[in-house]
C-alpha atoms as a PDB file:
ATOM      1  CA  MET A   1     -58.992  40.925   3.009  1.00  0.00           C
ATOM      2  CA  ALA A   2     -61.403  39.660   5.710  1.00  0.00           C
ATOM      3  CA  VAL A   3     -61.274  36.266   3.982  1.00  0.00           C
ATOM      4  CA  LYS A   4     -57.546  36.027   4.341  1.00  0.00           C
ATOM      5  CA  LYS A   5     -57.592  36.842   8.124  1.00  0.00           C
ATOM      6  CA  LYS A   6     -60.197  34.019   8.553  1.00  0.00           C
ATOM      7  CA  ALA A   7     -57.856  31.471   6.813  1.00  0.00           C
ATOM      8  CA  SER A   8     -54.877  32.574   8.932  1.00  0.00           C
ATOM      9  CA  SER A   9     -56.948  32.304  11.985  1.00  0.00           C
ATOM     10  CA  LYS A  10     -57.967  28.774  10.995  1.00  0.00           C
ATOM     11  CA  LYS A  11     -54.430  27.786  10.699  1.00  0.00           C
ATOM     12  CA  LYS A  12     -53.533  29.234  14.082  1.00  0.00           C
ATOM     13  CA  ALA A  13     -56.499  27.239  15.533  1.00  0.00           C
ATOM     14  CA  SER A  14     -55.177  24.072  13.808  1.00  0.00           C
ATOM     15  CA  LYS A  15     -51.732  24.577  15.248  1.00  0.00           C
ATOM     16  CA  LYS A  16     -53.093  24.905  18.609  1.00  0.00           C
ATOM     17  CA  LYS A  17     -55.074  21.578  18.322  1.00  0.00           C
ATOM     18  CA  ARG A  18     -51.889  19.741  17.643  1.00  0.00           C
ATOM     19  CA  SER A  19     -51.218  17.284  20.374  1.00  0.00           C
ATOM     20  CA  SER A  20     -47.836  17.135  22.136  1.00  0.00           C
ATOM     21  CA  ALA A  21     -47.473  13.529  20.796  1.00  0.00           C
ATOM     22  CA  THR A  22     -47.578  14.929  17.258  1.00  0.00           C
ATOM     23  CA  ALA A  23     -44.954  17.605  18.164  1.00  0.00           C
ATOM     24  CA  HIS A  24     -42.842  15.072  19.511  1.00  0.00           C
ATOM     25  CA  LYS A  25     -43.179  12.815  16.492  1.00  0.00           C
ATOM     26  CA  SER A  26     -42.369  15.644  14.153  1.00  0.00           C
ATOM     27  CA  VAL A  27     -39.334  16.612  16.197  1.00  0.00           C
ATOM     28  CA  ALA A  28     -38.110  12.996  16.296  1.00  0.00           C
ATOM     29  CA  THR A  29     -38.638  12.787  12.367  1.00  0.00           C
ATOM     30  CA  ARG A  30     -36.763  15.811  11.850  1.00  0.00           C
ATOM     31  CA  LYS A  31     -33.836  14.770  14.043  1.00  0.00           C
ATOM     32  CA  ARG A  32     -33.807  11.260  12.317  1.00  0.00           C
ATOM     33  CA  ASN A  33     -33.755  12.868   8.903  1.00  0.00           C
ATOM     34  CA  GLU A  34     -30.888  15.169   9.936  1.00  0.00           C
ATOM     35  CA  LEU A  35     -28.973  12.351  11.421  1.00  0.00           C
ATOM     36  CA  ASN A  36     -29.481  10.152   8.300  1.00  0.00           C
ATOM     37  CA  LYS A  37     -28.249  13.212   6.140  1.00  0.00           C
ATOM     38  CA  GLN A  38     -25.252  13.485   8.406  1.00  0.00           C
ATOM     39  CA  LEU A  39     -24.440   9.792   8.204  1.00  0.00           C
ATOM     40  CA  ARG A  40     -24.645   9.845   4.483  1.00  0.00           C
ATOM     41  CA  GLU A  41     -22.435  12.647   4.286  1.00  0.00           C
ATOM     42  CA  ASP A  42     -19.968  10.916   6.678  1.00  0.00           C
ATOM     43  CA  LEU A  43     -20.252   7.736   4.604  1.00  0.00           C
ATOM     44  CA  LYS A  44     -19.474   9.686   1.517  1.00  0.00           C
ATOM     45  CA  ALA A  45     -16.455  11.317   2.924  1.00  0.00           C
ATOM     46  CA  THR A  46     -15.283   8.005   4.282  1.00  0.00           C
ATOM     47  CA  LYS A  47     -15.573   6.288   0.819  1.00  0.00           C
ATOM     48  CA  GLU A  48     -13.633   9.128  -0.774  1.00  0.00           C
ATOM     49  CA  THR A  49     -10.997   8.871   1.983  1.00  0.00           C
ATOM     50  CA  LEU A  50     -10.838   5.140   1.297  1.00  0.00           C
ATOM     51  CA  LYS A  51     -10.504   5.766  -2.485  1.00  0.00           C
ATOM     52  CA  VAL A  52      -7.633   8.079  -1.883  1.00  0.00           C
ATOM     53  CA  ALA A  53      -6.014   5.766   0.462  1.00  0.00           C
ATOM     54  CA  ASN A  54      -6.527   2.781  -1.951  1.00  0.00           C
ATOM     55  CA  ALA A  55      -4.934   4.909  -4.757  1.00  0.00           C
ATOM     56  CA  ALA A  56      -2.025   5.791  -2.455  1.00  0.00           C
ATOM     57  CA  ALA A  57      -1.480   2.165  -1.419  1.00  0.00           C
ATOM     58  CA  LYS A  58      -1.448   1.037  -5.050  1.00  0.00           C
ATOM     59  CA  ALA A  59       1.018   3.698  -5.962  1.00  0.00           C
ATOM     60  CA  GLU A  60       3.307   2.576  -3.017  1.00  0.00           C
ATOM     61  CA  ILE A  61       2.926  -0.961  -4.160  1.00  0.00           C
ATOM     62  CA  ALA A  62       3.916   0.014  -7.617  1.00  0.00           C
ATOM     63  CA  VAL A  63       7.109   1.877  -6.190  1.00  0.00           C
ATOM     64  CA  LEU A  64       7.796  -1.259  -4.113  1.00  0.00           C
ATOM     65  CA  LYS A  65       7.604  -3.558  -6.974  1.00  0.00           C
ATOM     66  CA  ASP A  66       9.930  -1.386  -9.094  1.00  0.00           C
ATOM     67  CA  GLN A  67      12.409  -1.282  -6.161  1.00  0.00           C
ATOM     68  CA  LEU A  68      12.182  -5.043  -5.811  1.00  0.00           C
ATOM     69  CA  LYS A  69      12.781  -5.468  -9.442  1.00  0.00           C
ATOM     70  CA  ALA A  70      15.961  -3.319  -9.283  1.00  0.00           C
ATOM     71  CA  VAL A  71      17.196  -5.208  -6.339  1.00  0.00           C
ATOM     72  CA  MET A  72      16.587  -8.413  -7.873  1.00  0.00           C
ATOM     73  CA  LYS A  73      18.509  -7.236 -10.973  1.00  0.00           C
ATOM     74  CA  ARG A  74      21.323  -5.980  -8.892  1.00  0.00           C
ATOM     75  CA  GLU A  75      21.341  -9.294  -6.880  1.00  0.00           C
ATOM     76  CA  LYS A  76      21.560 -11.243 -10.218  1.00  0.00           C
ATOM     77  CA  ALA A  77      24.488  -9.096 -11.414  1.00  0.00           C
ATOM     78  CA  LEU A  78      26.303  -9.630  -8.137  1.00  0.00           C
ATOM     79  CA  LEU A  79      25.810 -13.309  -8.291  1.00  0.00           C
ATOM     80  CA  LYS A  80      27.127 -13.312 -11.848  1.00  0.00           C
ATOM     81  CA  ILE A  81      30.182 -11.378 -10.763  1.00  0.00           C
ATOM     82  CA  SER A  82      30.879 -13.553  -7.981  1.00  0.00           C
ATOM     83  CA  GLU A  83      30.609 -16.730 -10.112  1.00  0.00           C
ATOM     84  CA  GLN A  84      33.177 -15.181 -12.573  1.00  0.00           C
ATOM     85  CA  LYS A  85      35.456 -14.327  -9.693  1.00  0.00           C
ATOM     86  CA  THR A  86      35.158 -17.931  -8.429  1.00  0.00           C
ATOM     87  CA  LYS A  87      35.916 -19.374 -11.739  1.00  0.00           C
ATOM     88  CA  MET A  88      38.920 -17.129 -12.003  1.00  0.00           C
ATOM     89  CA  MET A  89      40.136 -18.083  -8.667  1.00  0.00           C
ATOM     90  CA  TRP A  90      39.678 -21.818  -9.695  1.00  0.00           C
ATOM     91  CA  LYS A  91      41.745 -21.236 -12.819  1.00  0.00           C
ATOM     92  CA  ALA A  92      44.372 -19.415 -10.828  1.00  0.00           C
ATOM     93  CA  ALA A  93      44.607 -22.187  -8.159  1.00  0.00           C
ATOM     94  CA  GLU A  94      44.824 -24.910 -10.847  1.00  0.00           C
ATOM     95  CA  GLN A  95      47.764 -22.974 -12.643  1.00  0.00           C
ATOM     96  CA  TRP A  96      49.584 -22.475  -9.338  1.00  0.00           C
ATOM     97  CA  GLU A  97      49.062 -26.084  -8.490  1.00  0.00           C
ATOM     98  CA  LYS A  98      50.448 -27.113 -11.863  1.00  0.00           C
ATOM     99  CA  LYS A  99      53.476 -24.858 -11.479  1.00  0.00           C
ATOM    100  CA  GLN A 100      54.200 -26.258  -8.037  1.00  0.00           C
ATOM    101  CA  VAL A 101      53.968 -29.818  -9.323  1.00  0.00           C
ATOM    102  CA  SER A 102      56.302 -28.972 -12.298  1.00  0.00           C
ATOM    103  CA  LYS A 103      58.772 -27.459  -9.827  1.00  0.00           C
ATOM    104  CA  ILE A 104      58.587 -30.533  -7.520  1.00  0.00           C
ATOM    105  CA  ASN A 105      59.213 -32.622 -10.598  1.00  0.00           C
ATOM    106  CA  LYS A 106      62.092 -30.808 -11.774  1.00  0.00           C
ATOM    107  CA  MET A 107      63.596 -30.867  -8.294  1.00  0.00           C
ATOM    108  CA  PHE A 108      63.276 -34.742  -8.240  1.00  0.00           C
ATOM    109  CA  LYS A 109      64.816 -34.970 -11.851  1.00  0.00           C
ATOM    110  CA  LYS A 110      67.757 -32.762 -10.761  1.00  0.00           C
ATOM    111  CA  ALA A 111      68.225 -34.580  -7.424  1.00  0.00           C
ATOM    112  CA  PRO A 112      70.896 -37.347  -7.458  1.00  0.00           C
ATOM    113  CA  LYS A 113      69.525 -40.884  -7.379  1.00  0.00           C
ATOM    114  CA  ALA A 114      70.771 -42.936  -4.617  1.00  0.00           C
END
């Protein structure tokens, strides 16, 4: 038992012999290590946040692409309908013109010649 007391007393003596510079150095090392640990944790959290944001952005891009595809399809359909309407109007205008010309021709044939 006496041997153990001597060993502990030696440890106490060695602690007392440490200089203030060594104490400051150990405190600085501990603080630096804590700061590094916290920075690593922050970096990890930031990376995870960026991964989530990237996934959300990709999902939003996919949705926007689908919407754009639907709009383009609708635009194509509307263009086709407007072309069909234009063709029908053109045919109707040509038929009306033919009727008018034939009416005018009939009127000239019926009119007395001078």
